[in-house]
Amino acid sequence: MHANCPNCNLRYEKEPGNFYGAMYVSYGFSTAIFLITAFILYYVFDDPELNVYLISILVVAAVLFPFNFRYSRVIFLYLIWKS
């Protein structure tokens, strides 16, 4: 995220506790990633062992971490935005 607005040069500042809500959105993203990965493994690979589930979910979560980190904050800001 930019330190200042590119249009009006407004300095962005974090409010105390602002991103606690983003942690809830991130939790929802992570849960969705875990469940989707587990369902794909279950239906495509015909119920693999527990180790395959754990390793696959951890790899997919690690790959999608930048997406989760950035967009959970952005979606939370859109949720609390008041015009």
Protein backbone atom coordinates (compact mmCIF):
# COMPACT_ATOMS: atom_id res chain seq x y z
CA MET A 1 0.00 0.00 0.00
CA HIS A 2 1.17 3.51 -0.69
CA ALA A 3 2.30 5.76 2.16
CA ASN A 4 0.50 8.75 0.59
CA CYS A 5 -2.42 9.04 -1.81
CA PRO A 6 -1.10 9.38 -5.38
CA ASN A 7 -3.84 11.93 -6.21
CA CYS A 8 -4.13 14.25 -3.21
CA ASN A 9 -0.99 13.35 -1.19
CA LEU A 10 -3.05 12.43 1.90
CA ARG A 11 -0.92 10.46 4.35
CA TYR A 12 -2.44 7.09 5.18
CA GLU A 13 -2.32 6.29 8.87
CA LYS A 14 -3.37 3.17 10.66
CA GLU A 15 -6.00 3.60 13.32
CA PRO A 16 -5.51 1.60 16.50
CA GLY A 17 -7.09 -1.80 16.00
CA ASN A 18 -7.94 -1.13 12.38
CA PHE A 19 -6.65 -4.42 11.06
CA TYR A 20 -8.17 -6.65 13.72
CA GLY A 21 -11.16 -6.91 11.40
CA ALA A 22 -8.82 -7.77 8.54
CA MET A 23 -7.67 -10.75 10.59
CA TYR A 24 -11.24 -12.07 10.54
CA VAL A 25 -11.39 -11.67 6.76
CA SER A 26 -8.01 -13.40 6.51
CA TYR A 27 -9.33 -16.22 8.67
CA GLY A 28 -12.27 -16.62 6.28
CA PHE A 29 -9.92 -16.71 3.29
CA SER A 30 -7.68 -19.27 4.98
CA THR A 31 -10.63 -21.47 5.89
CA ALA A 32 -11.93 -21.32 2.33
CA ILE A 33 -8.48 -22.18 0.96
CA PHE A 34 -8.19 -25.15 3.35
CA LEU A 35 -11.65 -26.48 2.55
CA ILE A 36 -11.35 -26.07 -1.22
CA THR A 37 -7.97 -27.80 -1.22
CA ALA A 38 -9.30 -30.65 0.92
CA PHE A 39 -12.37 -31.13 -1.30
CA ILE A 40 -10.25 -31.16 -4.45
CA LEU A 41 -7.90 -33.74 -2.93
CA TYR A 42 -10.80 -35.86 -1.74
CA TYR A 43 -12.71 -35.92 -5.02
CA VAL A 44 -9.81 -35.93 -7.51
CA PHE A 45 -7.40 -38.28 -5.74
CA ASP A 46 -9.95 -40.58 -4.09
CA ASP A 47 -9.36 -39.91 -0.38
CA PRO A 48 -5.56 -39.71 0.06
CA GLU A 49 -3.75 -40.18 3.38
CA LEU A 50 -3.63 -37.56 6.10
CA ASN A 51 -0.02 -36.59 5.28
CA VAL A 52 -1.02 -35.70 1.72
CA TYR A 53 -3.80 -33.46 3.04
CA LEU A 54 -1.52 -31.66 5.47
CA ILE A 55 1.35 -31.10 3.05
CA SER A 56 -0.92 -30.02 0.20
CA ILE A 57 -2.89 -27.58 2.33
CA LEU A 58 0.28 -26.06 3.78
CA VAL A 59 1.84 -25.63 0.32
CA VAL A 60 -1.30 -24.07 -1.16
CA ALA A 61 -1.70 -21.77 1.85
CA ALA A 62 1.96 -20.69 1.58
CA VAL A 63 1.62 -19.97 -2.14
CA LEU A 64 -1.58 -17.96 -1.64
CA PHE A 65 -0.29 -16.10 1.43
CA PRO A 66 0.52 -12.85 -0.47
CA PHE A 67 -3.01 -12.86 -1.94
CA ASN A 68 -4.53 -13.49 1.47
CA PHE A 69 -2.40 -10.83 3.19
CA ARG A 70 -3.12 -8.03 0.71
CA TYR A 71 -6.75 -8.68 -0.18
CA SER A 72 -7.98 -9.37 3.35
CA ARG A 73 -6.97 -5.81 4.29
CA VAL A 74 -8.48 -4.35 1.12
CA ILE A 75 -11.79 -6.19 1.54
CA PHE A 76 -12.00 -5.17 5.19
CA LEU A 77 -11.46 -1.53 4.25
CA TYR A 78 -14.27 -1.81 1.71
CA LEU A 79 -16.52 -3.38 4.35
CA ILE A 80 -16.05 -0.56 6.86
CA TRP A 81 -16.00 2.31 4.36
CA LYS A 82 -18.70 4.90 4.98
CA SER A 83 -19.48 7.49 2.37
